[in-house]
Amino acid sequence: MTPLLTAYLQAWKQYFDFSGQTTRDDFWWFMLAHLLITLVVVSIEIATNNPGWLDLFYSLISFIPMLALLVRRLHDTQCSGWWAWVFVIPVIGPFWLIYLLVQPSSSHFTDKALLS
């Protein structure tokens, strides 16, 4: 399987897993797959004159795995998952979160609960 499909399916297998770590590659492969699927869904809605229910449905079901993946990626950079809240800071928040997400992986996460 391609890294794109592997990373996407792995995120769905870890739907409610907010512990552990996710590598930078796996995170960005998932985000690319998610973007491509969203573009296909929106294109179908435009072609069929659909009001957007399909896109809403996909967004709702993919929110939890995407959030779990985000938290695991933050763990991989030695940040708490609570740093995801930085996104809500107006203007600078999304850029700050992206900065955290593109950081290289850390080989050691200090939370003992994640190491057990």
Protein backbone atom coordinates (compact mmCIF):
# COMPACT_ATOMS: atom_id res chain seq x y z
CA MET A 1 0.00 0.00 0.00
CA THR A 2 1.05 3.57 -0.55
CA PRO A 3 2.11 5.71 2.44
CA LEU A 4 -0.96 7.87 1.78
CA LEU A 5 -3.42 4.99 2.16
CA THR A 6 -1.47 3.34 4.99
CA ALA A 7 -1.39 6.52 7.09
CA TYR A 8 -5.06 7.24 6.41
CA LEU A 9 -6.22 3.76 7.39
CA GLN A 10 -3.96 3.69 10.46
CA ALA A 11 -5.55 6.90 11.74
CA TRP A 12 -9.00 5.32 11.42
CA LYS A 13 -7.82 2.20 13.27
CA GLN A 14 -6.73 4.45 16.15
CA TYR A 15 -10.05 6.35 16.16
CA PHE A 16 -10.17 7.05 19.92
CA ASP A 17 -6.47 6.69 20.74
CA PHE A 18 -5.31 9.99 22.22
CA SER A 19 -2.16 8.50 23.74
CA GLY A 20 1.09 7.62 22.08
CA GLN A 21 2.74 9.34 19.18
CA THR A 22 2.30 9.85 15.43
CA THR A 23 5.20 10.65 13.14
CA ARG A 24 5.33 13.79 11.06
CA ASP A 25 5.09 11.74 7.85
CA ASP A 26 2.01 9.81 8.97
CA PHE A 27 0.31 13.00 10.12
CA TRP A 28 0.84 14.87 6.85
CA TRP A 29 -0.01 11.84 4.69
CA PHE A 30 -3.32 11.59 6.57
CA MET A 31 -3.98 15.30 6.10
CA LEU A 32 -3.30 15.01 2.36
CA ALA A 33 -5.65 12.02 2.06
CA HIS A 34 -8.31 13.87 4.06
CA LEU A 35 -7.98 16.91 1.79
CA LEU A 36 -8.28 14.78 -1.36
CA ILE A 37 -11.35 12.97 -0.04
CA THR A 38 -12.93 16.27 0.95
CA LEU A 39 -12.30 17.66 -2.55
CA VAL A 40 -13.94 14.59 -4.11
CA VAL A 41 -16.94 14.86 -1.78
CA VAL A 42 -17.38 18.58 -2.48
CA SER A 43 -17.02 17.97 -6.23
CA ILE A 44 -19.75 15.34 -6.06
CA GLU A 45 -21.97 17.78 -4.17
CA ILE A 46 -21.38 20.50 -6.76
CA ALA A 47 -22.00 18.12 -9.67
CA THR A 48 -25.25 16.82 -8.16
CA ASN A 49 -26.48 20.17 -6.81
CA ASN A 50 -26.46 18.68 -3.32
CA PRO A 51 -26.74 21.19 -0.43
CA GLY A 52 -23.67 19.88 1.43
CA TRP A 53 -24.94 17.05 3.61
CA LEU A 54 -22.34 14.59 2.37
CA ASP A 55 -19.49 16.96 3.21
CA LEU A 56 -21.00 17.66 6.62
CA PHE A 57 -21.33 13.93 7.31
CA TYR A 58 -17.71 13.22 6.32
CA SER A 59 -16.48 16.17 8.38
CA LEU A 60 -18.34 14.97 11.46
CA ILE A 61 -17.18 11.35 11.29
CA SER A 62 -13.57 12.31 10.55
CA PHE A 63 -13.30 14.92 13.32
CA ILE A 64 -12.43 12.49 16.16
CA PRO A 65 -9.73 10.54 14.29
CA MET A 66 -8.23 13.82 13.07
CA LEU A 67 -8.23 15.24 16.60
CA ALA A 68 -6.67 12.05 18.00
CA LEU A 69 -4.01 12.17 15.29
CA LEU A 70 -3.32 15.83 16.09
CA VAL A 71 -2.87 15.07 19.79
CA ARG A 72 -0.55 12.13 19.04
CA ARG A 73 1.47 14.33 16.68
CA LEU A 74 1.85 16.95 19.40
CA HIS A 75 3.01 14.20 21.77
CA ASP A 76 5.63 13.26 19.18
CA THR A 77 7.03 16.79 19.37
CA GLN A 78 7.12 16.65 23.18
CA CYS A 79 4.09 18.90 23.53
CA SER A 80 0.97 18.17 25.50
CA GLY A 81 -2.16 17.46 23.49
CA TRP A 82 -3.66 20.52 25.14
CA TRP A 83 -1.54 22.63 22.77
CA ALA A 84 -4.21 21.90 20.14
CA TRP A 85 -6.23 24.67 21.81
CA VAL A 86 -3.73 27.21 20.49
CA PHE A 87 -5.72 26.97 17.23
CA VAL A 88 -8.52 29.11 18.70
CA ILE A 89 -6.26 32.13 19.27
CA PRO A 90 -7.30 34.65 16.61
CA VAL A 91 -4.94 35.24 13.68
CA ILE A 92 -1.75 33.70 15.09
CA GLY A 93 -3.19 30.48 16.58
CA PRO A 94 -3.42 28.38 13.40
CA PHE A 95 0.10 29.41 12.35
CA TRP A 96 1.47 28.56 15.78
CA LEU A 97 -0.19 25.13 15.65
CA ILE A 98 1.26 24.45 12.19
CA TYR A 99 4.68 25.46 13.52
CA LEU A 100 4.32 22.87 16.29
CA LEU A 101 3.13 20.20 13.86
CA VAL A 102 6.05 20.56 11.46
CA GLN A 103 8.66 20.13 14.19
CA PRO A 104 10.83 17.01 13.93
CA SER A 105 9.87 13.93 15.88
CA SER A 106 11.32 13.50 19.32
CA SER A 107 12.66 10.10 20.25
CA HIS A 108 11.61 10.48 23.86
CA PHE A 109 8.30 11.63 25.27
CA THR A 110 8.53 12.26 28.98
CA ASP A 111 5.01 11.26 30.00
CA LYS A 112 5.46 7.91 31.77
CA ALA A 113 1.86 6.91 31.05
CA LEU A 114 2.62 6.93 27.33
CA LEU A 115 5.68 4.75 27.77
CA SER A 116 3.86 1.92 29.54
